[in-house]
Amino acid sequence: MILLSILFWLAVSVLFHEAGHVAVARIFGFRFGGFDTNGGFGVRSERWPARGIRRREVALISLGGPCASLLFAMFVWAYHLSPATLFNLPVVASANVALAILCAWPYGDSDGRKILDSVTA
């Protein structure tokens, strides 16, 4: 039962993180067709604006995921969405904070690398 709860909260956390990217990108006019799992998680765009994508947009879209993870952690902590019988609440909140930090760290093809490349290019 605990393993099922862990998998559930992991899936919800990742979906919320990716929804953060989508929400910010929709502001800039992007449309999305689904999630891309080429070695990890991600969101792919079906429609790029004809003008292309600006560095500022890349940085803000990349920042949307970690910010959504932090918001989800605060939401879970504040409203106690995780029943104590299924999984420990501080673990769910802490996992989302860790996800935000991990994704914001500039390595490989992470959100942090995209943000860093966008502001230093």
PDB file of N, CA and C in Angstrom:
ATOM      1  N   MET A   1       0.817  -1.194   0.000  1.00  0.00           N
ATOM      2  CA  MET A   1       0.000   0.000   0.000  1.00  0.00           C
ATOM      3  C   MET A   1       0.867   1.267   0.000  1.00  0.00           C
ATOM      4  N   ILE A   2       1.979   1.223   0.731  1.00  0.00           N
ATOM      5  CA  ILE A   2       2.867   2.381   0.782  1.00  0.00           C
ATOM      6  C   ILE A   2       3.514   2.607  -0.581  1.00  0.00           C
ATOM      7  N   LEU A   3       3.922   1.521  -1.258  1.00  0.00           N
ATOM      8  CA  LEU A   3       4.534   1.659  -2.580  1.00  0.00           C
ATOM      9  C   LEU A   3       3.549   2.280  -3.571  1.00  0.00           C
ATOM     10  N   LEU A   4       2.308   1.874  -3.507  1.00  0.00           N
ATOM     11  CA  LEU A   4       1.277   2.441  -4.373  1.00  0.00           C
ATOM     12  C   LEU A   4       1.091   3.933  -4.097  1.00  0.00           C
ATOM     13  N   SER A   5       1.121   4.300  -2.837  1.00  0.00           N
ATOM     14  CA  SER A   5       0.989   5.704  -2.457  1.00  0.00           C
ATOM     15  C   SER A   5       2.184   6.516  -2.955  1.00  0.00           C
ATOM     16  N   ILE A   6       3.379   5.956  -2.850  1.00  0.00           N
ATOM     17  CA  ILE A   6       4.585   6.635  -3.330  1.00  0.00           C
ATOM     18  C   ILE A   6       4.486   6.869  -4.836  1.00  0.00           C
ATOM     19  N   LEU A   7       4.092   5.842  -5.571  1.00  0.00           N
ATOM     20  CA  LEU A   7       3.966   5.966  -7.019  1.00  0.00           C
ATOM     21  C   LEU A   7       2.893   6.979  -7.404  1.00  0.00           C
ATOM     22  N   PHE A   8       1.789   6.976  -6.674  1.00  0.00           N
ATOM     23  CA  PHE A   8       0.721   7.936  -6.937  1.00  0.00           C
ATOM     24  C   PHE A   8       1.219   9.369  -6.751  1.00  0.00           C
ATOM     25  N   TRP A   9       1.851   9.657  -5.598  1.00  0.00           N
ATOM     26  CA  TRP A   9       2.306  11.015  -5.327  1.00  0.00           C
ATOM     27  C   TRP A   9       3.446  11.428  -6.246  1.00  0.00           C
ATOM     28  N   LEU A  10       4.268  10.470  -6.662  1.00  0.00           N
ATOM     29  CA  LEU A  10       5.327  10.776  -7.625  1.00  0.00           C
ATOM     30  C   LEU A  10       4.710  11.182  -8.965  1.00  0.00           C
ATOM     31  N   ALA A  11       3.719  10.436  -9.413  1.00  0.00           N
ATOM     32  CA  ALA A  11       3.051  10.772 -10.678  1.00  0.00           C
ATOM     33  C   ALA A  11       2.355  12.130 -10.603  1.00  0.00           C
ATOM     34  N   VAL A  12       1.659  12.384  -9.503  1.00  0.00           N
ATOM     35  CA  VAL A  12       0.977  13.671  -9.338  1.00  0.00           C
ATOM     36  C   VAL A  12       1.997  14.810  -9.309  1.00  0.00           C
ATOM     37  N   SER A  13       3.094  14.606  -8.628  1.00  0.00           N
ATOM     38  CA  SER A  13       4.132  15.638  -8.529  1.00  0.00           C
ATOM     39  C   SER A  13       4.735  15.969  -9.893  1.00  0.00           C
ATOM     40  N   VAL A  14       5.056  14.937 -10.667  1.00  0.00           N
ATOM     41  CA  VAL A  14       5.651  15.154 -11.988  1.00  0.00           C
ATOM     42  C   VAL A  14       4.639  15.819 -12.920  1.00  0.00           C
ATOM     43  N   LEU A  15       3.389  15.382 -12.878  1.00  0.00           N
ATOM     44  CA  LEU A  15       2.365  16.001 -13.724  1.00  0.00           C
ATOM     45  C   LEU A  15       2.150  17.471 -13.354  1.00  0.00           C
ATOM     46  N   PHE A  16       2.156  17.765 -12.069  1.00  0.00           N
ATOM     47  CA  PHE A  16       1.991  19.155 -11.634  1.00  0.00           C
ATOM     48  C   PHE A  16       3.177  19.995 -12.100  1.00  0.00           C
ATOM     49  N   HIS A  17       4.379  19.438 -12.003  1.00  0.00           N
ATOM     50  CA  HIS A  17       5.593  20.128 -12.452  1.00  0.00           C
ATOM     51  C   HIS A  17       5.486  20.443 -13.952  1.00  0.00           C
ATOM     52  N   GLU A  18       5.130  19.444 -14.740  1.00  0.00           N
ATOM     53  CA  GLU A  18       5.022  19.643 -16.183  1.00  0.00           C
ATOM     54  C   GLU A  18       3.884  20.591 -16.534  1.00  0.00           C
ATOM     55  N   ALA A  19       2.807  20.559 -15.751  1.00  0.00           N
ATOM     56  CA  ALA A  19       1.695  21.484 -15.972  1.00  0.00           C
ATOM     57  C   ALA A  19       2.141  22.924 -15.748  1.00  0.00           C
ATOM     58  N   GLY A  20       3.109  23.126 -14.876  1.00  0.00           N
ATOM     59  CA  GLY A  20       3.673  24.467 -14.674  1.00  0.00           C
ATOM     60  C   GLY A  20       4.335  24.985 -15.933  1.00  0.00           C
ATOM     61  N   HIS A  21       5.084  24.100 -16.615  1.00  0.00           N
ATOM     62  CA  HIS A  21       5.694  24.493 -17.885  1.00  0.00           C
ATOM     63  C   HIS A  21       4.609  24.842 -18.909  1.00  0.00           C
ATOM     64  N   VAL A  22       3.598  23.998 -18.987  1.00  0.00           N
ATOM     65  CA  VAL A  22       2.519  24.202 -19.965  1.00  0.00           C
ATOM     66  C   VAL A  22       1.777  25.503 -19.687  1.00  0.00           C
ATOM     67  N   ALA A  23       1.488  25.776 -18.431  1.00  0.00           N
ATOM     68  CA  ALA A  23       0.743  26.994 -18.085  1.00  0.00           C
ATOM     69  C   ALA A  23       1.488  28.247 -18.518  1.00  0.00           C
ATOM     70  N   VAL A  24       2.783  28.290 -18.273  1.00  0.00           N
ATOM     71  CA  VAL A  24       3.566  29.462 -18.673  1.00  0.00           C
ATOM     72  C   VAL A  24       3.679  29.527 -20.199  1.00  0.00           C
ATOM     73  N   ALA A  25       3.899  28.394 -20.838  1.00  0.00           N
ATOM     74  CA  ALA A  25       4.043  28.380 -22.291  1.00  0.00           C
ATOM     75  C   ALA A  25       2.749  28.786 -22.986  1.00  0.00           C
ATOM     76  N   ARG A  26       1.618  28.425 -22.424  1.00  0.00           N
ATOM     77  CA  ARG A  26       0.331  28.815 -23.024  1.00  0.00           C
ATOM     78  C   ARG A  26       0.167  30.333 -23.023  1.00  0.00           C
ATOM     79  N   ILE A  27       0.726  30.986 -22.038  1.00  0.00           N
ATOM     80  CA  ILE A  27       0.687  32.455 -22.007  1.00  0.00           C
ATOM     81  C   ILE A  27       1.368  33.027 -23.249  1.00  0.00           C
ATOM     82  N   PHE A  28       2.416  32.353 -23.713  1.00  0.00           N
ATOM     83  CA  PHE A  28       3.157  32.811 -24.887  1.00  0.00           C
ATOM     84  C   PHE A  28       2.596  32.270 -26.202  1.00  0.00           C
ATOM     85  N   GLY A  29       1.496  31.518 -26.152  1.00  0.00           N
ATOM     86  CA  GLY A  29       0.838  31.059 -27.366  1.00  0.00           C
ATOM     87  C   GLY A  29       1.205  29.679 -27.849  1.00  0.00           C
ATOM     88  N   PHE A  30       1.892  28.894 -27.046  1.00  0.00           N
ATOM     89  CA  PHE A  30       2.253  27.540 -27.443  1.00  0.00           C
ATOM     90  C   PHE A  30       1.072  26.601 -27.210  1.00  0.00           C
ATOM     91  N   ARG A  31       0.960  25.574 -28.041  1.00  0.00           N
ATOM     92  CA  ARG A  31      -0.043  24.522 -27.864  1.00  0.00           C
ATOM     93  C   ARG A  31       0.699  23.210 -27.694  1.00  0.00           C
ATOM     94  N   PHE A  32       0.155  22.343 -26.874  1.00  0.00           N
ATOM     95  CA  PHE A  32       0.868  21.111 -26.551  1.00  0.00           C
ATOM     96  C   PHE A  32       0.058  19.882 -26.900  1.00  0.00           C
ATOM     97  N   GLY A  33       0.776  18.858 -27.347  1.00  0.00           N
ATOM     98  CA  GLY A  33       0.124  17.626 -27.750  1.00  0.00           C
ATOM     99  C   GLY A  33       0.328  16.484 -26.795  1.00  0.00           C
ATOM    100  N   GLY A  34       1.213  16.609 -25.849  1.00  0.00           N
ATOM    101  CA  GLY A  34       1.418  15.516 -24.913  1.00  0.00           C
ATOM    102  C   GLY A  34       2.763  15.612 -24.230  1.00  0.00           C
ATOM    103  N   PHE A  35       3.091  14.539 -23.538  1.00  0.00           N
ATOM    104  CA  PHE A  35       4.354  14.471 -22.817  1.00  0.00           C
ATOM    105  C   PHE A  35       5.352  13.663 -23.628  1.00  0.00           C
ATOM    106  N   ASP A  36       6.575  14.095 -23.608  1.00  0.00           N
ATOM    107  CA  ASP A  36       7.652  13.439 -24.320  1.00  0.00           C
ATOM    108  C   ASP A  36       8.535  12.740 -23.302  1.00  0.00           C
ATOM    109  N   THR A  37       8.793  11.471 -23.501  1.00  0.00           N
ATOM    110  CA  THR A  37       9.599  10.731 -22.530  1.00  0.00           C
ATOM    111  C   THR A  37      10.858  10.180 -23.190  1.00  0.00           C
ATOM    112  N   ASN A  38      11.645  11.049 -23.767  1.00  0.00           N
ATOM    113  CA  ASN A  38      12.901  10.621 -24.390  1.00  0.00           C
ATOM    114  C   ASN A  38      14.006  10.580 -23.338  1.00  0.00           C
ATOM    115  N   GLY A  39      14.000   9.539 -22.550  1.00  0.00           N
ATOM    116  CA  GLY A  39      15.001   9.389 -21.507  1.00  0.00           C
ATOM    117  C   GLY A  39      14.638  10.074 -20.212  1.00  0.00           C
ATOM    118  N   GLY A  40      13.504  10.707 -20.150  1.00  0.00           N
ATOM    119  CA  GLY A  40      13.075  11.409 -18.947  1.00  0.00           C
ATOM    120  C   GLY A  40      11.666  11.901 -19.154  1.00  0.00           C
ATOM    121  N   PHE A  41      11.317  12.953 -18.482  1.00  0.00           N
ATOM    122  CA  PHE A  41       9.992  13.537 -18.644  1.00  0.00           C
ATOM    123  C   PHE A  41      10.139  14.862 -19.348  1.00  0.00           C
ATOM    124  N   GLY A  42       9.091  15.290 -19.979  1.00  0.00           N
ATOM    125  CA  GLY A  42       9.127  16.575 -20.646  1.00  0.00           C
ATOM    126  C   GLY A  42       7.815  16.826 -21.364  1.00  0.00           C
ATOM    127  N   VAL A  43       7.685  18.006 -21.903  1.00  0.00           N
ATOM    128  CA  VAL A  43       6.497  18.390 -22.638  1.00  0.00           C
ATOM    129  C   VAL A  43       6.935  18.789 -24.029  1.00  0.00           C
ATOM    130  N   ARG A  44       6.203  18.353 -25.027  1.00  0.00           N
ATOM    131  CA  ARG A  44       6.552  18.752 -26.385  1.00  0.00           C
ATOM    132  C   ARG A  44       5.470  19.673 -26.944  1.00  0.00           C
ATOM    133  N   SER A  45       5.882  20.608 -27.738  1.00  0.00           N
ATOM    134  CA  SER A  45       4.948  21.567 -28.316  1.00  0.00           C
ATOM    135  C   SER A  45       4.529  21.098 -29.694  1.00  0.00           C
ATOM    136  N   GLU A  46       3.254  21.225 -29.989  1.00  0.00           N
ATOM    137  CA  GLU A  46       2.763  20.913 -31.324  1.00  0.00           C
ATOM    138  C   GLU A  46       2.786  22.141 -32.214  1.00  0.00           C
ATOM    139  N   ARG A  47       2.684  23.317 -31.615  1.00  0.00           N
ATOM    140  CA  ARG A  47       2.635  24.532 -32.421  1.00  0.00           C
ATOM    141  C   ARG A  47       3.584  25.568 -31.830  1.00  0.00           C
ATOM    142  N   TRP A  48       4.651  25.831 -32.564  1.00  0.00           N
ATOM    143  CA  TRP A  48       5.562  26.894 -32.167  1.00  0.00           C
ATOM    144  C   TRP A  48       5.097  28.171 -32.842  1.00  0.00           C
ATOM    145  N   PRO A  49       5.188  29.286 -32.177  1.00  0.00           N
ATOM    146  CA  PRO A  49       4.826  30.549 -32.842  1.00  0.00           C
ATOM    147  C   PRO A  49       5.698  30.762 -34.079  1.00  0.00           C
ATOM    148  N   ALA A  50       5.127  31.362 -35.116  1.00  0.00           N
ATOM    149  CA  ALA A  50       5.851  31.577 -36.369  1.00  0.00           C
ATOM    150  C   ALA A  50       7.124  32.395 -36.147  1.00  0.00           C
ATOM    151  N   ARG A  51       7.116  33.270 -35.164  1.00  0.00           N
ATOM    152  CA  ARG A  51       8.275  34.121 -34.896  1.00  0.00           C
ATOM    153  C   ARG A  51       9.397  33.360 -34.207  1.00  0.00           C
ATOM    154  N   GLY A  52       9.152  32.111 -33.804  1.00  0.00           N
ATOM    155  CA  GLY A  52      10.150  31.338 -33.064  1.00  0.00           C
ATOM    156  C   GLY A  52       9.964  31.532 -31.570  1.00  0.00           C
ATOM    157  N   ILE A  53      10.953  31.130 -30.826  1.00  0.00           N
ATOM    158  CA  ILE A  53      10.878  31.257 -29.362  1.00  0.00           C
ATOM    159  C   ILE A  53      12.020  32.152 -28.899  1.00  0.00           C
ATOM    160  N   ARG A  54      11.709  33.080 -28.043  1.00  0.00           N
ATOM    161  CA  ARG A  54      12.709  34.024 -27.529  1.00  0.00           C
ATOM    162  C   ARG A  54      13.391  33.443 -26.289  1.00  0.00           C
ATOM    163  N   ARG A  55      14.595  33.937 -26.027  1.00  0.00           N
ATOM    164  CA  ARG A  55      15.342  33.465 -24.849  1.00  0.00           C
ATOM    165  C   ARG A  55      14.586  33.717 -23.558  1.00  0.00           C
ATOM    166  N   ARG A  56      13.928  34.866 -23.456  1.00  0.00           N
ATOM    167  CA  ARG A  56      13.153  35.187 -22.250  1.00  0.00           C
ATOM    168  C   ARG A  56      12.029  34.166 -22.049  1.00  0.00           C
ATOM    169  N   GLU A  57      11.406  33.769 -23.145  1.00  0.00           N
ATOM    170  CA  GLU A  57      10.329  32.782 -23.063  1.00  0.00           C
ATOM    171  C   GLU A  57      10.862  31.423 -22.622  1.00  0.00           C
ATOM    172  N   VAL A  58      12.012  31.035 -23.146  1.00  0.00           N
ATOM    173  CA  VAL A  58      12.628  29.764 -22.736  1.00  0.00           C
ATOM    174  C   VAL A  58      12.892  29.781 -21.236  1.00  0.00           C
ATOM    175  N   ALA A  59      13.455  30.882 -20.746  1.00  0.00           N
ATOM    176  CA  ALA A  59      13.772  30.991 -19.316  1.00  0.00           C
ATOM    177  C   ALA A  59      12.514  30.923 -18.462  1.00  0.00           C
ATOM    178  N   LEU A  60      11.476  31.656 -18.851  1.00  0.00           N
ATOM    179  CA  LEU A  60      10.250  31.668 -18.049  1.00  0.00           C
ATOM    180  C   LEU A  60       9.500  30.345 -18.109  1.00  0.00           C
ATOM    181  N   ILE A  61       9.466  29.719 -19.280  1.00  0.00           N
ATOM    182  CA  ILE A  61       8.815  28.405 -19.407  1.00  0.00           C
ATOM    183  C   ILE A  61       9.565  27.374 -18.567  1.00  0.00           C
ATOM    184  N   SER A  62      10.887  27.418 -18.627  1.00  0.00           N
ATOM    185  CA  SER A  62      11.695  26.481 -17.838  1.00  0.00           C
ATOM    186  C   SER A  62      11.510  26.703 -16.346  1.00  0.00           C
ATOM    187  N   LEU A  63      11.326  27.936 -15.948  1.00  0.00           N
ATOM    188  CA  LEU A  63      11.118  28.258 -14.533  1.00  0.00           C
ATOM    189  C   LEU A  63       9.728  27.834 -14.047  1.00  0.00           C
ATOM    190  N   GLY A  64       8.787  27.697 -14.961  1.00  0.00           N
ATOM    191  CA  GLY A  64       7.419  27.323 -14.596  1.00  0.00           C
ATOM    192  C   GLY A  64       7.316  25.989 -13.874  1.00  0.00           C
ATOM    193  N   GLY A  65       8.112  25.007 -14.268  1.00  0.00           N
ATOM    194  CA  GLY A  65       8.066  23.688 -13.640  1.00  0.00           C
ATOM    195  C   GLY A  65       8.526  23.694 -12.185  1.00  0.00           C
ATOM    196  N   PRO A  66       9.741  24.186 -11.906  1.00  0.00           N
ATOM    197  CA  PRO A  66      10.181  24.249 -10.515  1.00  0.00           C
ATOM    198  C   PRO A  66       9.264  25.094  -9.629  1.00  0.00           C
ATOM    199  N   CYS A  67       8.738  26.189 -10.162  1.00  0.00           N
ATOM    200  CA  CYS A  67       7.810  27.018  -9.377  1.00  0.00           C
ATOM    201  C   CYS A  67       6.531  26.250  -9.068  1.00  0.00           C
ATOM    202  N   ALA A  68       6.039  25.491 -10.043  1.00  0.00           N
ATOM    203  CA  ALA A  68       4.841  24.676  -9.813  1.00  0.00           C
ATOM    204  C   ALA A  68       5.107  23.608  -8.758  1.00  0.00           C
ATOM    205  N   SER A  69       6.297  23.024  -8.769  1.00  0.00           N
ATOM    206  CA  SER A  69       6.647  22.023  -7.756  1.00  0.00           C
ATOM    207  C   SER A  69       6.655  22.633  -6.357  1.00  0.00           C
ATOM    208  N   LEU A  70       7.200  23.836  -6.236  1.00  0.00           N
ATOM    209  CA  LEU A  70       7.209  24.515  -4.935  1.00  0.00           C
ATOM    210  C   LEU A  70       5.792  24.873  -4.496  1.00  0.00           C
ATOM    211  N   LEU A  71       4.969  25.330  -5.422  1.00  0.00           N
ATOM    212  CA  LEU A  71       3.572  25.632  -5.086  1.00  0.00           C
ATOM    213  C   LEU A  71       2.824  24.382  -4.651  1.00  0.00           C
ATOM    214  N   PHE A  72       3.071  23.282  -5.339  1.00  0.00           N
ATOM    215  CA  PHE A  72       2.414  22.029  -4.970  1.00  0.00           C
ATOM    216  C   PHE A  72       2.856  21.585  -3.578  1.00  0.00           C
ATOM    217  N   ALA A  73       4.140  21.740  -3.272  1.00  0.00           N
ATOM    218  CA  ALA A  73       4.648  21.384  -1.940  1.00  0.00           C
ATOM    219  C   ALA A  73       3.963  22.220  -0.863  1.00  0.00           C
ATOM    220  N   MET A  74       3.818  23.525  -1.119  1.00  0.00           N
ATOM    221  CA  MET A  74       3.149  24.393  -0.139  1.00  0.00           C
ATOM    222  C   MET A  74       1.670  24.027  -0.006  1.00  0.00           C
ATOM    223  N   PHE A  75       1.035  23.697  -1.133  1.00  0.00           N
ATOM    224  CA  PHE A  75      -0.373  23.320  -1.135  1.00  0.00           C
ATOM    225  C   PHE A  75      -0.590  22.028  -0.338  1.00  0.00           C
ATOM    226  N   VAL A  76       0.247  21.035  -0.586  1.00  0.00           N
ATOM    227  CA  VAL A  76       0.137  19.759   0.134  1.00  0.00           C
ATOM    228  C   VAL A  76       0.357  19.982   1.629  1.00  0.00           C
ATOM    229  N   TRP A  77       1.366  20.766   1.950  1.00  0.00           N
ATOM    230  CA  TRP A  77       1.679  21.017   3.356  1.00  0.00           C
ATOM    231  C   TRP A  77       0.546  21.776   4.054  1.00  0.00           C
ATOM    232  N   ALA A  78       0.017  22.784   3.386  1.00  0.00           N
ATOM    233  CA  ALA A  78      -1.013  23.634   3.997  1.00  0.00           C
ATOM    234  C   ALA A  78      -2.351  22.932   4.140  1.00  0.00           C
ATOM    235  N   TYR A  79      -2.708  22.099   3.176  1.00  0.00           N
ATOM    236  CA  TYR A  79      -4.033  21.499   3.177  1.00  0.00           C
ATOM    237  C   TYR A  79      -4.044  20.013   3.509  1.00  0.00           C
ATOM    238  N   HIS A  80      -2.905  19.451   3.847  1.00  0.00           N
ATOM    239  CA  HIS A  80      -2.822  18.054   4.285  1.00  0.00           C
ATOM    240  C   HIS A  80      -3.526  17.111   3.321  1.00  0.00           C
ATOM    241  N   LEU A  81      -3.089  17.133   2.066  1.00  0.00           N
ATOM    242  CA  LEU A  81      -3.724  16.301   1.054  1.00  0.00           C
ATOM    243  C   LEU A  81      -3.320  14.835   1.119  1.00  0.00           C
ATOM    244  N   SER A  82      -2.270  14.538   1.827  1.00  0.00           N
ATOM    245  CA  SER A  82      -1.821  13.155   1.896  1.00  0.00           C
ATOM    246  C   SER A  82      -2.311  12.513   3.187  1.00  0.00           C
ATOM    247  N   PRO A  83      -3.209  11.549   3.086  1.00  0.00           N
ATOM    248  CA  PRO A  83      -3.680  10.896   4.311  1.00  0.00           C
ATOM    249  C   PRO A  83      -2.527  10.213   5.037  1.00  0.00           C
ATOM    250  N   ALA A  84      -2.482  10.381   6.328  1.00  0.00           N
ATOM    251  CA  ALA A  84      -1.384   9.820   7.124  1.00  0.00           C
ATOM    252  C   ALA A  84      -1.345   8.304   7.028  1.00  0.00           C
ATOM    253  N   THR A  85      -2.477   7.682   6.753  1.00  0.00           N
ATOM    254  CA  THR A  85      -2.500   6.220   6.664  1.00  0.00           C
ATOM    255  C   THR A  85      -1.854   5.718   5.377  1.00  0.00           C
ATOM    256  N   LEU A  86      -1.774   6.567   4.342  1.00  0.00           N
ATOM    257  CA  LEU A  86      -1.191   6.128   3.083  1.00  0.00           C
ATOM    258  C   LEU A  86       0.278   6.506   2.942  1.00  0.00           C
ATOM    259  N   PHE A  87       0.611   7.728   3.293  1.00  0.00           N
ATOM    260  CA  PHE A  87       1.982   8.179   3.119  1.00  0.00           C
ATOM    261  C   PHE A  87       2.233   9.373   4.014  1.00  0.00           C
ATOM    262  N   ASN A  88       3.440   9.542   4.411  1.00  0.00           N
ATOM    263  CA  ASN A  88       3.803  10.595   5.333  1.00  0.00           C
ATOM    264  C   ASN A  88       3.828  11.961   4.632  1.00  0.00           C
ATOM    265  N   LEU A  89       3.059  12.907   5.133  1.00  0.00           N
ATOM    266  CA  LEU A  89       2.911  14.233   4.521  1.00  0.00           C
ATOM    267  C   LEU A  89       4.226  14.983   4.329  1.00  0.00           C
ATOM    268  N   PRO A  90       5.099  15.044   5.323  1.00  0.00           N
ATOM    269  CA  PRO A  90       6.357  15.779   5.099  1.00  0.00           C
ATOM    270  C   PRO A  90       7.185  15.200   3.957  1.00  0.00           C
ATOM    271  N   VAL A  91       7.058  13.914   3.704  1.00  0.00           N
ATOM    272  CA  VAL A  91       7.810  13.305   2.611  1.00  0.00           C
ATOM    273  C   VAL A  91       7.303  13.805   1.264  1.00  0.00           C
ATOM    274  N   VAL A  92       5.986  13.923   1.112  1.00  0.00           N
ATOM    275  CA  VAL A  92       5.402  14.422  -0.138  1.00  0.00           C
ATOM    276  C   VAL A  92       5.842  15.866  -0.388  1.00  0.00           C
ATOM    277  N   ALA A  93       5.732  16.704   0.622  1.00  0.00           N
ATOM    278  CA  ALA A  93       6.145  18.106   0.473  1.00  0.00           C
ATOM    279  C   ALA A  93       7.640  18.199   0.209  1.00  0.00           C
ATOM    280  N   SER A  94       8.430  17.451   0.953  1.00  0.00           N
ATOM    281  CA  SER A  94       9.886  17.480   0.778  1.00  0.00           C
ATOM    282  C   SER A  94      10.296  16.969  -0.598  1.00  0.00           C
ATOM    283  N   ALA A  95       9.608  15.959  -1.089  1.00  0.00           N
ATOM    284  CA  ALA A  95       9.926  15.423  -2.411  1.00  0.00           C
ATOM    285  C   ALA A  95       9.684  16.466  -3.496  1.00  0.00           C
ATOM    286  N   ASN A  96       8.652  17.276  -3.335  1.00  0.00           N
ATOM    287  CA  ASN A  96       8.375  18.320  -4.319  1.00  0.00           C
ATOM    288  C   ASN A  96       9.391  19.447  -4.244  1.00  0.00           C
ATOM    289  N   VAL A  97       9.832  19.767  -3.048  1.00  0.00           N
ATOM    290  CA  VAL A  97      10.900  20.768  -2.906  1.00  0.00           C
ATOM    291  C   VAL A  97      12.185  20.230  -3.546  1.00  0.00           C
ATOM    292  N   ALA A  98      12.477  18.953  -3.304  1.00  0.00           N
ATOM    293  CA  ALA A  98      13.662  18.333  -3.909  1.00  0.00           C
ATOM    294  C   ALA A  98      13.552  18.309  -5.428  1.00  0.00           C
ATOM    295  N   LEU A  99      12.356  18.021  -5.952  1.00  0.00           N
ATOM    296  CA  LEU A  99      12.141  18.034  -7.398  1.00  0.00           C
ATOM    297  C   LEU A  99      12.401  19.426  -7.968  1.00  0.00           C
ATOM    298  N   ALA A 100      11.921  20.452  -7.289  1.00  0.00           N
ATOM    299  CA  ALA A 100      12.135  21.822  -7.750  1.00  0.00           C
ATOM    300  C   ALA A 100      13.626  22.166  -7.764  1.00  0.00           C
ATOM    301  N   ILE A 101      14.330  21.799  -6.706  1.00  0.00           N
ATOM    302  CA  ILE A 101      15.768  22.093  -6.620  1.00  0.00           C
ATOM    303  C   ILE A 101      16.538  21.310  -7.675  1.00  0.00           C
ATOM    304  N   LEU A 102      16.223  20.034  -7.815  1.00  0.00           N
ATOM    305  CA  LEU A 102      16.908  19.189  -8.786  1.00  0.00           C
ATOM    306  C   LEU A 102      16.706  19.708 -10.210  1.00  0.00           C
ATOM    307  N   CYS A 103      15.490  20.102 -10.527  1.00  0.00           N
ATOM    308  CA  CYS A 103      15.209  20.592 -11.886  1.00  0.00           C
ATOM    309  C   CYS A 103      15.778  21.981 -12.129  1.00  0.00           C
ATOM    310  N   ALA A 104      15.907  22.783 -11.093  1.00  0.00           N
ATOM    311  CA  ALA A 104      16.445  24.131 -11.250  1.00  0.00           C
ATOM    312  C   ALA A 104      17.979  24.144 -11.264  1.00  0.00           C
ATOM    313  N   TRP A 105      18.594  23.027 -10.912  1.00  0.00           N
ATOM    314  CA  TRP A 105      20.049  22.934 -10.910  1.00  0.00           C
ATOM    315  C   TRP A 105      20.536  22.836 -12.368  1.00  0.00           C
ATOM    316  N   PRO A 106      21.506  23.638 -12.784  1.00  0.00           N
ATOM    317  CA  PRO A 106      21.938  23.636 -14.189  1.00  0.00           C
ATOM    318  C   PRO A 106      22.857  22.466 -14.550  1.00  0.00           C
ATOM    319  N   TYR A 107      22.274  21.383 -15.013  1.00  0.00           N
ATOM    320  CA  TYR A 107      23.043  20.221 -15.476  1.00  0.00           C
ATOM    321  C   TYR A 107      22.328  19.628 -16.683  1.00  0.00           C
ATOM    322  N   GLY A 108      23.057  18.978 -17.554  1.00  0.00           N
ATOM    323  CA  GLY A 108      22.479  18.281 -18.700  1.00  0.00           C
ATOM    324  C   GLY A 108      21.472  19.120 -19.461  1.00  0.00           C
ATOM    325  N   ASP A 109      20.257  18.593 -19.579  1.00  0.00           N
ATOM    326  CA  ASP A 109      19.170  19.277 -20.283  1.00  0.00           C
ATOM    327  C   ASP A 109      18.083  19.696 -19.296  1.00  0.00           C
ATOM    328  N   SER A 110      18.485  20.028 -18.082  1.00  0.00           N
ATOM    329  CA  SER A 110      17.515  20.369 -17.033  1.00  0.00           C
ATOM    330  C   SER A 110      16.923  21.757 -17.250  1.00  0.00           C
ATOM    331  N   ASP A 111      15.876  22.043 -16.493  1.00  0.00           N
ATOM    332  CA  ASP A 111      15.270  23.374 -16.529  1.00  0.00           C
ATOM    333  C   ASP A 111      16.300  24.434 -16.164  1.00  0.00           C
ATOM    334  N   GLY A 112      17.106  24.140 -15.167  1.00  0.00           N
ATOM    335  CA  GLY A 112      18.127  25.085 -14.724  1.00  0.00           C
ATOM    336  C   GLY A 112      19.138  25.404 -15.814  1.00  0.00           C
ATOM    337  N   ARG A 113      19.533  24.389 -16.585  1.00  0.00           N
ATOM    338  CA  ARG A 113      20.470  24.611 -17.691  1.00  0.00           C
ATOM    339  C   ARG A 113      19.828  25.512 -18.746  1.00  0.00           C
ATOM    340  N   LYS A 114      18.542  25.280 -19.035  1.00  0.00           N
ATOM    341  CA  LYS A 114      17.851  26.101 -20.032  1.00  0.00           C
ATOM    342  C   LYS A 114      17.740  27.555 -19.560  1.00  0.00           C
ATOM    343  N   ILE A 115      17.468  27.727 -18.270  1.00  0.00           N
ATOM    344  CA  ILE A 115      17.382  29.078 -17.721  1.00  0.00           C
ATOM    345  C   ILE A 115      18.749  29.758 -17.805  1.00  0.00           C
ATOM    346  N   LEU A 116      19.781  29.068 -17.365  1.00  0.00           N
ATOM    347  CA  LEU A 116      21.133  29.620 -17.392  1.00  0.00           C
ATOM    348  C   LEU A 116      21.568  29.953 -18.808  1.00  0.00           C
ATOM    349  N   ASP A 117      21.337  29.051 -19.737  1.00  0.00           N
ATOM    350  CA  ASP A 117      21.710  29.308 -21.134  1.00  0.00           C
ATOM    351  C   ASP A 117      20.938  30.491 -21.712  1.00  0.00           C
ATOM    352  N   SER A 118      19.693  30.625 -21.318  1.00  0.00           N
ATOM    353  CA  SER A 118      18.856  31.729 -21.833  1.00  0.00           C
ATOM    354  C   SER A 118      19.312  33.087 -21.342  1.00  0.00           C
ATOM    355  N   VAL A 119      19.737  33.154 -20.098  1.00  0.00           N
ATOM    356  CA  VAL A 119      20.121  34.464 -19.557  1.00  0.00           C
ATOM    357  C   VAL A 119      21.582  34.822 -19.826  1.00  0.00           C
ATOM    358  N   THR A 120      22.397  33.829 -20.174  1.00  0.00           N
ATOM    359  CA  THR A 120      23.811  34.122 -20.434  1.00  0.00           C
ATOM    360  C   THR A 120      24.141  34.176 -21.919  1.00  0.00           C
ATOM    361  N   ALA A 121      23.190  33.825 -22.775  1.00  0.00           N
ATOM    362  CA  ALA A 121      23.466  33.810 -24.229  1.00  0.00           C
ATOM    363  C   ALA A 121      23.422  35.217 -24.814  1.00  0.00           C
TER     364      ALA A 121
END
